[in-house]
Amino acid sequence: MFQLDRAETLRRIIRASLDVGPALSAENSRTVAALASQVRMVGRNLSQLLHAIHSGDAVPMETALPIWEALDERVKAVDAELTAMTIAHGLKLRKAAHLLDGENA
């Protein structure tokens, strides 16, 4: 993909990672902490739901559908946020390693 052999590509990425710094900025670290809190909240809600199902106290699926839809939207938002961070850092590393289009010199 980069028109370099695997070893040279890895060398460039490793060198670049030393210059670029940590994968998460302070702002990204705060965002990940907030996302982790939301994931824990979702986990507690799912645990309560499973407990209600096992005890026979669960509401019909039609009643719970808006909750499932909101949960699905939240999971997609968390995924999008983490994907954006990953892509941004990857681009930063490739740029520092001179591995972007036309920068293989």
Protein backbone atom coordinates (compact mmCIF):
# COMPACT_ATOMS: atom_id res chain seq x y z
CA MET A 1 0.00 0.00 0.00
CA PHE A 2 2.80 2.45 0.86
CA GLN A 3 5.19 1.06 -1.78
CA LEU A 4 7.67 0.19 0.98
CA ASP A 5 8.59 -3.18 2.39
CA ARG A 6 6.93 -4.22 5.65
CA ALA A 7 10.04 -3.62 7.77
CA GLU A 8 10.50 -0.05 6.51
CA THR A 9 6.82 0.73 7.05
CA LEU A 10 7.02 -0.54 10.64
CA ARG A 11 10.27 1.39 11.28
CA ARG A 12 8.64 4.61 10.09
CA ILE A 13 5.51 4.06 12.19
CA ILE A 14 7.55 3.27 15.32
CA ARG A 15 9.78 6.33 14.84
CA ALA A 16 6.72 8.49 14.19
CA SER A 17 4.96 7.21 17.31
CA LEU A 18 7.88 8.46 19.40
CA ASP A 19 7.57 11.92 17.85
CA VAL A 20 3.79 12.08 17.79
CA GLY A 21 3.33 11.23 21.44
CA PRO A 22 0.54 9.35 23.18
CA ALA A 23 -2.47 8.11 21.24
CA LEU A 24 -4.87 9.93 23.54
CA SER A 25 -4.73 13.63 24.22
CA ALA A 26 -5.95 14.93 27.58
CA GLU A 27 -9.26 15.81 25.91
CA ASN A 28 -9.53 12.33 24.36
CA SER A 29 -8.77 10.76 27.75
CA ARG A 30 -11.64 12.72 29.29
CA THR A 31 -13.91 11.66 26.43
CA VAL A 32 -12.96 7.99 26.88
CA ALA A 33 -13.65 8.26 30.64
CA ALA A 34 -17.08 9.73 29.92
CA LEU A 35 -17.79 7.02 27.34
CA ALA A 36 -16.70 4.33 29.81
CA SER A 37 -19.14 5.76 32.34
CA GLN A 38 -21.93 5.56 29.77
CA VAL A 39 -21.01 1.97 28.89
CA ARG A 40 -21.11 1.03 32.59
CA MET A 41 -24.56 2.65 32.86
CA VAL A 42 -25.78 0.66 29.88
CA GLY A 43 -24.35 -2.51 31.44
CA ARG A 44 -26.23 -1.87 34.69
CA ASN A 45 -29.45 -1.29 32.76
CA LEU A 46 -28.98 -4.52 30.81
CA SER A 47 -28.28 -6.39 34.03
CA GLN A 48 -31.50 -5.03 35.56
CA LEU A 49 -33.40 -5.99 32.42
CA LEU A 50 -32.06 -9.55 32.52
CA HIS A 51 -32.95 -9.81 36.19
CA ALA A 52 -36.51 -8.65 35.41
CA ILE A 53 -36.80 -11.17 32.55
CA HIS A 54 -35.61 -14.03 34.76
CA SER A 55 -38.01 -13.07 37.53
CA GLY A 56 -40.94 -12.74 35.11
CA ASP A 57 -41.35 -8.99 35.72
CA ALA A 58 -40.24 -7.77 32.28
CA VAL A 59 -42.52 -5.53 30.24
CA PRO A 60 -43.63 -6.58 26.74
CA MET A 61 -41.14 -5.94 23.93
CA GLU A 62 -43.40 -3.27 22.38
CA THR A 63 -43.21 -1.25 25.60
CA ALA A 64 -39.44 -1.63 25.84
CA LEU A 65 -38.75 -0.87 22.16
CA PRO A 66 -38.02 2.87 22.68
CA ILE A 67 -35.45 1.95 25.33
CA TRP A 68 -33.77 -0.55 23.00
CA GLU A 69 -33.71 2.05 20.22
CA ALA A 70 -32.14 4.64 22.53
CA LEU A 71 -29.59 2.07 23.68
CA ASP A 72 -28.73 1.23 20.06
CA GLU A 73 -28.26 4.93 19.24
CA ARG A 74 -25.99 5.41 22.28
CA VAL A 75 -23.85 2.39 21.35
CA LYS A 76 -23.51 3.72 17.78
CA ALA A 77 -22.49 7.15 19.13
CA VAL A 78 -19.82 5.61 21.38
CA ASP A 79 -18.53 3.55 18.46
CA ALA A 80 -18.40 6.62 16.20
CA GLU A 81 -16.50 8.65 18.82
CA LEU A 82 -13.89 5.92 19.38
CA THR A 83 -13.56 5.31 15.63
CA ALA A 84 -12.95 9.03 15.03
CA MET A 85 -10.20 9.07 17.67
CA THR A 86 -8.56 5.98 16.17
CA ILE A 87 -8.65 7.36 12.64
CA ALA A 88 -7.30 10.74 13.74
CA HIS A 89 -4.36 9.17 15.55
CA GLY A 90 -3.66 6.82 12.65
CA LEU A 91 -3.56 9.75 10.23
CA LYS A 92 -1.26 11.63 12.58
CA LEU A 93 1.10 8.64 12.75
CA ARG A 94 1.09 8.07 8.99
CA LYS A 95 1.80 11.75 8.37
CA ALA A 96 4.68 11.75 10.86
CA ALA A 97 6.05 8.57 9.26
CA HIS A 98 5.72 10.10 5.78
CA LEU A 99 3.35 7.34 4.74
CA LEU A 100 0.56 9.42 3.23
CA ASP A 101 -0.14 9.45 -0.52
CA GLY A 102 2.89 10.64 -2.44
CA GLU A 103 5.06 11.06 0.69
CA ASN A 104 7.07 7.85 0.47
CA ALA A 105 10.38 9.52 -0.23
